[in-house]
Amino acid sequence: LRDKASMFKFFTYMLVPATLCWHSAAETDSWESLLERVDIQVQQRYSNLTLTKIEVLACKNYMCFNSAHHAMKDPREAGFMRVVYTPPGMTSPNVAVSINLTTPASMSFSYNTLPFVEDNRTQEFPPESKITFESAWSMVRSAVHNVNVTQVTWRRPLHPCVSEDLYQFNLQDIVPHHGAVISVGTVSRKTCYGFATQQVDSAYCLKDWKPDCAGVTASGQSISIIAINV
């Protein structure tokens, strides 16, 4: 999992910024429809490149500053989103789109030559399973009562025991015996603590990275509920 220092190191090297005002975020039906608009803008601005999404991040404050103290109860409370695009199988060049979700909504584009690290190549977005940010958030709420989220990211962490793209939720509070990160697998549809959602058949993963799942699937079935005291 990334720390704040490494996360914001990427922003230090942003090049060629541009800003585009658009409709209020409240006018979009979902994050997925908003991201469709972003895709179109990126394709138009960088038509000389073949780019695919590698990460989508959302939080409450601009650039996720002080996010640990400004958590969200649901997607409507998000105020900032960052979307990163890379050529297939490559980490550079890359394009970062920073989106202000508050009114008036706007987005800025950056072309970067330094590699975008810590994420593996992702599959298509939205996922073939049709799990959305909102439905993944509902699955997390079903697994952990009274949950507050500081950051949610669609990504595939660069780790040998990660088997699929994830909706990864950073929680404001630690869940006893489980930690402060919970992920929803876009293929397995499992809700698991950390980022291991399926058992990977390797000695390393079998020993140290067994999935710690809450038993909640996309169908809403649950066999394990843990409450956070607030």
C-alpha atoms as a PDB file:
ATOM      1  CA  LEU A   1       0.000   0.000   0.000  1.00  0.00           C
ATOM      2  CA  ARG A   2       1.267   3.432  -0.838  1.00  0.00           C
ATOM      3  CA  ASP A   3       2.054   6.112   1.706  1.00  0.00           C
ATOM      4  CA  LYS A   4       1.259   9.796   1.228  1.00  0.00           C
ATOM      5  CA  ALA A   5       4.834  10.723   0.376  1.00  0.00           C
ATOM      6  CA  SER A   6       5.045   8.338  -2.550  1.00  0.00           C
ATOM      7  CA  MET A   7       1.494   9.083  -3.625  1.00  0.00           C
ATOM      8  CA  PHE A   8       2.065  12.810  -4.012  1.00  0.00           C
ATOM      9  CA  LYS A   9       5.576  12.481  -5.443  1.00  0.00           C
ATOM     10  CA  PHE A  10       3.798  11.876  -8.729  1.00  0.00           C
ATOM     11  CA  PHE A  11       2.178  15.310  -8.626  1.00  0.00           C
ATOM     12  CA  THR A  12       5.521  17.043  -8.079  1.00  0.00           C
ATOM     13  CA  TYR A  13       6.507  16.366 -11.682  1.00  0.00           C
ATOM     14  CA  MET A  14       3.327  17.350 -13.486  1.00  0.00           C
ATOM     15  CA  LEU A  15       3.985  18.966 -16.883  1.00  0.00           C
ATOM     16  CA  VAL A  16       1.919  20.991 -19.345  1.00  0.00           C
ATOM     17  CA  PRO A  17      -1.168  21.617 -17.171  1.00  0.00           C
ATOM     18  CA  ALA A  18      -4.452  22.641 -18.748  1.00  0.00           C
ATOM     19  CA  THR A  19      -7.828  23.384 -17.197  1.00  0.00           C
ATOM     20  CA  LEU A  20     -11.270  22.718 -18.583  1.00  0.00           C
ATOM     21  CA  CYS A  21     -14.511  23.832 -16.932  1.00  0.00           C
ATOM     22  CA  TRP A  22     -17.550  21.650 -17.518  1.00  0.00           C
ATOM     23  CA  HIS A  23     -20.967  20.855 -16.132  1.00  0.00           C
ATOM     24  CA  SER A  24     -21.429  20.482 -12.407  1.00  0.00           C
ATOM     25  CA  ALA A  25     -20.601  17.015 -11.116  1.00  0.00           C
ATOM     26  CA  ALA A  26     -24.122  16.911  -9.682  1.00  0.00           C
ATOM     27  CA  GLU A  27     -25.428  16.687 -13.255  1.00  0.00           C
ATOM     28  CA  THR A  28     -23.753  13.344 -13.871  1.00  0.00           C
ATOM     29  CA  ASP A  29     -25.618  10.196 -12.927  1.00  0.00           C
ATOM     30  CA  SER A  30     -22.616   8.295 -11.614  1.00  0.00           C
ATOM     31  CA  TRP A  31     -18.855   8.284 -11.375  1.00  0.00           C
ATOM     32  CA  GLU A  32     -18.834   5.907 -14.320  1.00  0.00           C
ATOM     33  CA  SER A  33     -20.661   8.391 -16.561  1.00  0.00           C
ATOM     34  CA  LEU A  34     -18.315  11.140 -15.403  1.00  0.00           C
ATOM     35  CA  LEU A  35     -15.334   8.974 -16.298  1.00  0.00           C
ATOM     36  CA  GLU A  36     -16.773   8.398 -19.759  1.00  0.00           C
ATOM     37  CA  ARG A  37     -16.599  12.167 -20.290  1.00  0.00           C
ATOM     38  CA  VAL A  38     -13.024  12.196 -19.044  1.00  0.00           C
ATOM     39  CA  ASP A  39     -12.129   9.393 -21.471  1.00  0.00           C
ATOM     40  CA  ILE A  40     -13.445  11.452 -24.371  1.00  0.00           C
ATOM     41  CA  GLN A  41     -11.471  14.515 -23.325  1.00  0.00           C
ATOM     42  CA  VAL A  42      -8.259  12.507 -22.948  1.00  0.00           C
ATOM     43  CA  GLN A  43      -8.727  10.848 -26.345  1.00  0.00           C
ATOM     44  CA  GLN A  44      -9.238  14.234 -27.982  1.00  0.00           C
ATOM     45  CA  ARG A  45      -6.297  15.942 -26.269  1.00  0.00           C
ATOM     46  CA  TYR A  46      -3.814  13.088 -26.674  1.00  0.00           C
ATOM     47  CA  SER A  47      -4.961  11.531 -29.934  1.00  0.00           C
ATOM     48  CA  ASN A  48      -1.359  10.671 -30.824  1.00  0.00           C
ATOM     49  CA  LEU A  49      -1.191   8.214 -27.903  1.00  0.00           C
ATOM     50  CA  THR A  50      -2.947   4.942 -27.140  1.00  0.00           C
ATOM     51  CA  LEU A  51      -3.928   5.292 -23.496  1.00  0.00           C
ATOM     52  CA  THR A  52      -5.859   3.142 -21.032  1.00  0.00           C
ATOM     53  CA  LYS A  53      -6.939   3.828 -17.460  1.00  0.00           C
ATOM     54  CA  ILE A  54      -4.633   2.360 -14.845  1.00  0.00           C
ATOM     55  CA  GLU A  55      -6.043   4.039 -11.722  1.00  0.00           C
ATOM     56  CA  VAL A  56      -9.040   6.051 -10.510  1.00  0.00           C
ATOM     57  CA  LEU A  57      -8.793   7.631  -7.065  1.00  0.00           C
ATOM     58  CA  ALA A  58     -11.396   9.658  -5.135  1.00  0.00           C
ATOM     59  CA  CYS A  59     -11.385  11.421  -1.783  1.00  0.00           C
ATOM     60  CA  LYS A  60     -13.021  14.375  -0.045  1.00  0.00           C
ATOM     61  CA  ASN A  61     -10.395  17.137  -0.284  1.00  0.00           C
ATOM     62  CA  TYR A  62      -8.501  18.470  -3.267  1.00  0.00           C
ATOM     63  CA  MET A  63      -5.438  16.285  -3.929  1.00  0.00           C
ATOM     64  CA  CYS A  64      -6.564  14.239  -0.891  1.00  0.00           C
ATOM     65  CA  PHE A  65      -4.871  16.697   1.483  1.00  0.00           C
ATOM     66  CA  ASN A  66      -5.497  15.851   5.149  1.00  0.00           C
ATOM     67  CA  SER A  67      -7.793  13.037   4.065  1.00  0.00           C
ATOM     68  CA  ALA A  68      -7.330  11.100   7.310  1.00  0.00           C
ATOM     69  CA  HIS A  69      -9.424  13.753   9.066  1.00  0.00           C
ATOM     70  CA  HIS A  70     -11.983  14.243   6.304  1.00  0.00           C
ATOM     71  CA  ALA A  71     -13.694  10.929   5.654  1.00  0.00           C
ATOM     72  CA  MET A  72     -16.695  10.128   3.459  1.00  0.00           C
ATOM     73  CA  LYS A  73     -19.806   8.169   4.339  1.00  0.00           C
ATOM     74  CA  ASP A  74     -20.845   7.680   0.696  1.00  0.00           C
ATOM     75  CA  PRO A  75     -19.691   8.632  -2.823  1.00  0.00           C
ATOM     76  CA  ARG A  76     -21.704  11.870  -2.828  1.00  0.00           C
ATOM     77  CA  GLU A  77     -19.279  13.372  -0.309  1.00  0.00           C
ATOM     78  CA  ALA A  78     -16.266  13.049  -2.610  1.00  0.00           C
ATOM     79  CA  GLY A  79     -14.783  16.367  -3.707  1.00  0.00           C
ATOM     80  CA  PHE A  80     -11.778  15.265  -5.741  1.00  0.00           C
ATOM     81  CA  MET A  81     -10.928  12.550  -8.239  1.00  0.00           C
ATOM     82  CA  ARG A  82      -7.717  11.677 -10.059  1.00  0.00           C
ATOM     83  CA  VAL A  83      -7.594   9.454 -13.138  1.00  0.00           C
ATOM     84  CA  VAL A  84      -4.309   8.162 -14.560  1.00  0.00           C
ATOM     85  CA  TYR A  85      -3.830   6.847 -18.095  1.00  0.00           C
ATOM     86  CA  THR A  86      -0.815   4.987 -19.487  1.00  0.00           C
ATOM     87  CA  PRO A  87      -0.009   3.236 -22.773  1.00  0.00           C
ATOM     88  CA  PRO A  88      -0.848  -0.503 -22.522  1.00  0.00           C
ATOM     89  CA  GLY A  89       1.901  -2.358 -20.666  1.00  0.00           C
ATOM     90  CA  MET A  90       3.887   0.815 -19.979  1.00  0.00           C
ATOM     91  CA  THR A  91       4.255   3.277 -17.102  1.00  0.00           C
ATOM     92  CA  SER A  92       5.336   6.314 -19.133  1.00  0.00           C
ATOM     93  CA  PRO A  93       4.464   8.610 -20.655  1.00  0.00           C
ATOM     94  CA  ASN A  94       1.256   9.008 -18.699  1.00  0.00           C
ATOM     95  CA  VAL A  95      -1.591  11.447 -18.386  1.00  0.00           C
ATOM     96  CA  ALA A  96      -3.155  12.467 -15.070  1.00  0.00           C
ATOM     97  CA  VAL A  97      -6.556  14.127 -14.917  1.00  0.00           C
ATOM     98  CA  SER A  98      -7.374  15.941 -11.673  1.00  0.00           C
ATOM     99  CA  ILE A  99     -11.100  16.516 -11.239  1.00  0.00           C
ATOM    100  CA  ASN A 100     -12.699  18.979  -8.870  1.00  0.00           C
ATOM    101  CA  LEU A 101     -16.090  17.453  -8.076  1.00  0.00           C
ATOM    102  CA  THR A 102     -17.402  20.473  -6.206  1.00  0.00           C
ATOM    103  CA  THR A 103     -19.369  23.305  -7.801  1.00  0.00           C
ATOM    104  CA  PRO A 104     -18.268  24.659 -10.195  1.00  0.00           C
ATOM    105  CA  ALA A 105     -16.735  21.390 -11.360  1.00  0.00           C
ATOM    106  CA  SER A 106     -13.538  21.433 -13.401  1.00  0.00           C
ATOM    107  CA  MET A 107     -10.713  19.180 -14.488  1.00  0.00           C
ATOM    108  CA  SER A 108      -7.049  19.691 -15.341  1.00  0.00           C
ATOM    109  CA  PHE A 109      -4.763  17.571 -17.501  1.00  0.00           C
ATOM    110  CA  SER A 110      -1.075  16.768 -17.081  1.00  0.00           C
ATOM    111  CA  TYR A 111       1.290  14.961 -19.437  1.00  0.00           C
ATOM    112  CA  ASN A 112       4.096  13.239 -17.512  1.00  0.00           C
ATOM    113  CA  THR A 113       7.294  11.566 -18.674  1.00  0.00           C
ATOM    114  CA  LEU A 114       8.236  10.002 -15.328  1.00  0.00           C
ATOM    115  CA  PRO A 115       6.872   6.480 -14.731  1.00  0.00           C
ATOM    116  CA  PHE A 116       3.656   6.012 -12.784  1.00  0.00           C
ATOM    117  CA  VAL A 117       4.585   3.284 -10.311  1.00  0.00           C
ATOM    118  CA  GLU A 118       3.022   0.944  -7.724  1.00  0.00           C
ATOM    119  CA  ASP A 119       0.137  -0.186  -9.981  1.00  0.00           C
ATOM    120  CA  ASN A 120      -0.042  -3.181 -12.291  1.00  0.00           C
ATOM    121  CA  ARG A 121      -1.805  -3.268 -15.645  1.00  0.00           C
ATOM    122  CA  THR A 122      -5.581  -3.204 -15.216  1.00  0.00           C
ATOM    123  CA  GLN A 123      -8.431  -4.736 -17.177  1.00  0.00           C
ATOM    124  CA  GLU A 124     -11.250  -2.727 -18.690  1.00  0.00           C
ATOM    125  CA  PHE A 125     -13.235  -0.102 -16.818  1.00  0.00           C
ATOM    126  CA  PRO A 126     -16.041  -0.340 -15.968  1.00  0.00           C
ATOM    127  CA  PRO A 127     -15.343  -3.977 -15.052  1.00  0.00           C
ATOM    128  CA  GLU A 128     -17.030  -6.753 -16.984  1.00  0.00           C
ATOM    129  CA  SER A 129     -18.705  -7.779 -13.708  1.00  0.00           C
ATOM    130  CA  LYS A 130     -20.590  -4.429 -13.766  1.00  0.00           C
ATOM    131  CA  ILE A 131     -19.530  -3.678 -10.197  1.00  0.00           C
ATOM    132  CA  THR A 132     -19.487   0.103  -9.883  1.00  0.00           C
ATOM    133  CA  PHE A 133     -17.898   2.399  -7.333  1.00  0.00           C
ATOM    134  CA  GLU A 134     -21.299   2.804  -5.705  1.00  0.00           C
ATOM    135  CA  SER A 135     -22.110  -0.903  -5.555  1.00  0.00           C
ATOM    136  CA  ALA A 136     -18.626  -1.704  -4.229  1.00  0.00           C
ATOM    137  CA  TRP A 137     -19.126   0.936  -1.541  1.00  0.00           C
ATOM    138  CA  SER A 138     -22.435  -0.736  -0.588  1.00  0.00           C
ATOM    139  CA  MET A 139     -20.652  -4.071  -0.287  1.00  0.00           C
ATOM    140  CA  VAL A 140     -18.107  -2.514   2.061  1.00  0.00           C
ATOM    141  CA  ARG A 141     -20.867  -0.961   4.168  1.00  0.00           C
ATOM    142  CA  SER A 142     -22.487  -4.410   4.393  1.00  0.00           C
ATOM    143  CA  ALA A 143     -19.209  -5.879   5.612  1.00  0.00           C
ATOM    144  CA  VAL A 144     -18.260  -3.127   8.060  1.00  0.00           C
ATOM    145  CA  HIS A 145     -20.918  -1.155   9.914  1.00  0.00           C
ATOM    146  CA  ASN A 146     -20.433   2.578  10.577  1.00  0.00           C
ATOM    147  CA  VAL A 147     -17.631   2.734   8.032  1.00  0.00           C
ATOM    148  CA  ASN A 148     -16.030   6.035   7.038  1.00  0.00           C
ATOM    149  CA  VAL A 149     -13.795   6.057   3.955  1.00  0.00           C
ATOM    150  CA  THR A 150     -10.845   8.425   3.516  1.00  0.00           C
ATOM    151  CA  GLN A 151      -9.995   7.285  -0.009  1.00  0.00           C
ATOM    152  CA  VAL A 152     -11.316   4.837  -2.599  1.00  0.00           C
ATOM    153  CA  THR A 153      -9.286   3.670  -5.588  1.00  0.00           C
ATOM    154  CA  TRP A 154      -9.882   1.432  -8.565  1.00  0.00           C
ATOM    155  CA  ARG A 155      -6.506  -0.145  -9.239  1.00  0.00           C
ATOM    156  CA  ARG A 156      -4.457  -3.322  -9.324  1.00  0.00           C
ATOM    157  CA  PRO A 157      -1.642  -2.993  -6.782  1.00  0.00           C
ATOM    158  CA  LEU A 158       1.743  -4.185  -7.978  1.00  0.00           C
ATOM    159  CA  HIS A 159       2.084  -7.207  -5.701  1.00  0.00           C
ATOM    160  CA  PRO A 160       2.496 -10.940  -6.472  1.00  0.00           C
ATOM    161  CA  CYS A 161      -0.516 -11.891  -4.330  1.00  0.00           C
ATOM    162  CA  VAL A 162      -2.978  -9.534  -6.016  1.00  0.00           C
ATOM    163  CA  SER A 163      -5.042 -11.534  -8.499  1.00  0.00           C
ATOM    164  CA  GLU A 164      -7.481  -8.972  -9.940  1.00  0.00           C
ATOM    165  CA  ASP A 165      -8.448  -5.326 -10.253  1.00  0.00           C
ATOM    166  CA  LEU A 166      -9.775  -3.928  -6.996  1.00  0.00           C
ATOM    167  CA  TYR A 167     -11.942  -1.234  -5.560  1.00  0.00           C
ATOM    168  CA  GLN A 168      -9.691  -0.452  -2.606  1.00  0.00           C
ATOM    169  CA  PHE A 169     -11.113   1.461   0.364  1.00  0.00           C
ATOM    170  CA  ASN A 170      -8.943   3.167   2.954  1.00  0.00           C
ATOM    171  CA  LEU A 171     -10.932   3.357   6.182  1.00  0.00           C
ATOM    172  CA  GLN A 172     -10.740   6.129   8.734  1.00  0.00           C
ATOM    173  CA  ASP A 173     -10.633   3.635  11.597  1.00  0.00           C
ATOM    174  CA  ILE A 174      -8.800   0.354  11.980  1.00  0.00           C
ATOM    175  CA  VAL A 175     -11.031  -2.712  12.060  1.00  0.00           C
ATOM    176  CA  PRO A 176      -9.714  -4.781  14.999  1.00  0.00           C
ATOM    177  CA  HIS A 177      -7.628  -7.750  13.827  1.00  0.00           C
ATOM    178  CA  HIS A 178      -8.095  -6.778  10.165  1.00  0.00           C
ATOM    179  CA  GLY A 179      -6.564  -3.371   9.460  1.00  0.00           C
ATOM    180  CA  ALA A 180      -7.751  -0.168   7.793  1.00  0.00           C
ATOM    181  CA  VAL A 181      -7.957  -1.270   4.147  1.00  0.00           C
ATOM    182  CA  ILE A 182     -10.732  -3.317   2.574  1.00  0.00           C
ATOM    183  CA  SER A 183     -11.026  -4.273  -1.096  1.00  0.00           C
ATOM    184  CA  VAL A 184     -13.743  -5.501  -3.446  1.00  0.00           C
ATOM    185  CA  GLY A 185     -12.565  -7.786  -6.229  1.00  0.00           C
ATOM    186  CA  THR A 186     -13.948  -6.871  -9.638  1.00  0.00           C
ATOM    187  CA  VAL A 187     -13.838 -10.502 -10.816  1.00  0.00           C
ATOM    188  CA  SER A 188     -14.232 -12.566  -7.640  1.00  0.00           C
ATOM    189  CA  ARG A 189     -16.859 -10.138  -6.253  1.00  0.00           C
ATOM    190  CA  LYS A 190     -15.380 -10.780  -2.822  1.00  0.00           C
ATOM    191  CA  THR A 191     -15.005  -8.185  -0.073  1.00  0.00           C
ATOM    192  CA  CYS A 192     -11.714  -8.755   1.726  1.00  0.00           C
ATOM    193  CA  TYR A 193      -9.412  -6.916   4.091  1.00  0.00           C
ATOM    194  CA  GLY A 194      -6.104  -5.810   2.620  1.00  0.00           C
ATOM    195  CA  PHE A 195      -5.691  -6.448  -1.106  1.00  0.00           C
ATOM    196  CA  ALA A 196      -5.665 -10.253  -1.398  1.00  0.00           C
ATOM    197  CA  THR A 197      -9.126 -11.308  -2.592  1.00  0.00           C
ATOM    198  CA  GLN A 198      -8.307 -14.728  -4.080  1.00  0.00           C
ATOM    199  CA  GLN A 199      -5.690 -17.227  -3.018  1.00  0.00           C
ATOM    200  CA  VAL A 200      -2.683 -17.123  -5.336  1.00  0.00           C
ATOM    201  CA  ASP A 201      -0.960 -20.488  -5.680  1.00  0.00           C
ATOM    202  CA  SER A 202       2.595 -19.648  -4.660  1.00  0.00           C
ATOM    203  CA  ALA A 203       4.569 -20.527  -1.544  1.00  0.00           C
ATOM    204  CA  TYR A 204       4.902 -16.870  -0.604  1.00  0.00           C
ATOM    205  CA  CYS A 205       1.205 -16.080  -0.953  1.00  0.00           C
ATOM    206  CA  LEU A 206       0.063 -19.326   0.661  1.00  0.00           C
ATOM    207  CA  LYS A 207       2.205 -18.561   3.690  1.00  0.00           C
ATOM    208  CA  ASP A 208       1.791 -14.829   4.261  1.00  0.00           C
ATOM    209  CA  TRP A 209      -1.051 -13.539   2.086  1.00  0.00           C
ATOM    210  CA  LYS A 210      -4.149 -15.623   2.620  1.00  0.00           C
ATOM    211  CA  PRO A 211      -7.341 -13.718   1.799  1.00  0.00           C
ATOM    212  CA  ASP A 212      -9.167 -12.318   4.819  1.00  0.00           C
ATOM    213  CA  CYS A 213     -12.649 -11.980   3.387  1.00  0.00           C
ATOM    214  CA  ALA A 214     -15.828 -10.704   4.994  1.00  0.00           C
ATOM    215  CA  GLY A 215     -18.078 -13.119   3.165  1.00  0.00           C
ATOM    216  CA  VAL A 216     -19.970 -10.433   1.264  1.00  0.00           C
ATOM    217  CA  THR A 217     -20.548 -10.901  -2.456  1.00  0.00           C
ATOM    218  CA  ALA A 218     -22.135  -8.709  -5.110  1.00  0.00           C
ATOM    219  CA  SER A 219     -25.432 -10.521  -4.511  1.00  0.00           C
ATOM    220  CA  GLY A 220     -25.488  -9.066  -1.001  1.00  0.00           C
ATOM    221  CA  GLN A 221     -25.020 -12.372   0.822  1.00  0.00           C
ATOM    222  CA  SER A 222     -23.109 -12.014   4.086  1.00  0.00           C
ATOM    223  CA  ILE A 223     -21.649 -14.478   6.546  1.00  0.00           C
ATOM    224  CA  SER A 224     -19.478 -12.144   8.593  1.00  0.00           C
ATOM    225  CA  ILE A 225     -20.255  -8.666   9.911  1.00  0.00           C
ATOM    226  CA  ILE A 226     -17.801  -6.546  11.910  1.00  0.00           C
ATOM    227  CA  ALA A 227     -18.899  -3.277  13.469  1.00  0.00           C
ATOM    228  CA  ILE A 228     -16.672  -0.279  14.072  1.00  0.00           C
ATOM    229  CA  ASN A 229     -17.437   1.587  17.262  1.00  0.00           C
ATOM    230  CA  VAL A 230     -18.037   5.294  16.708  1.00  0.00           C
END
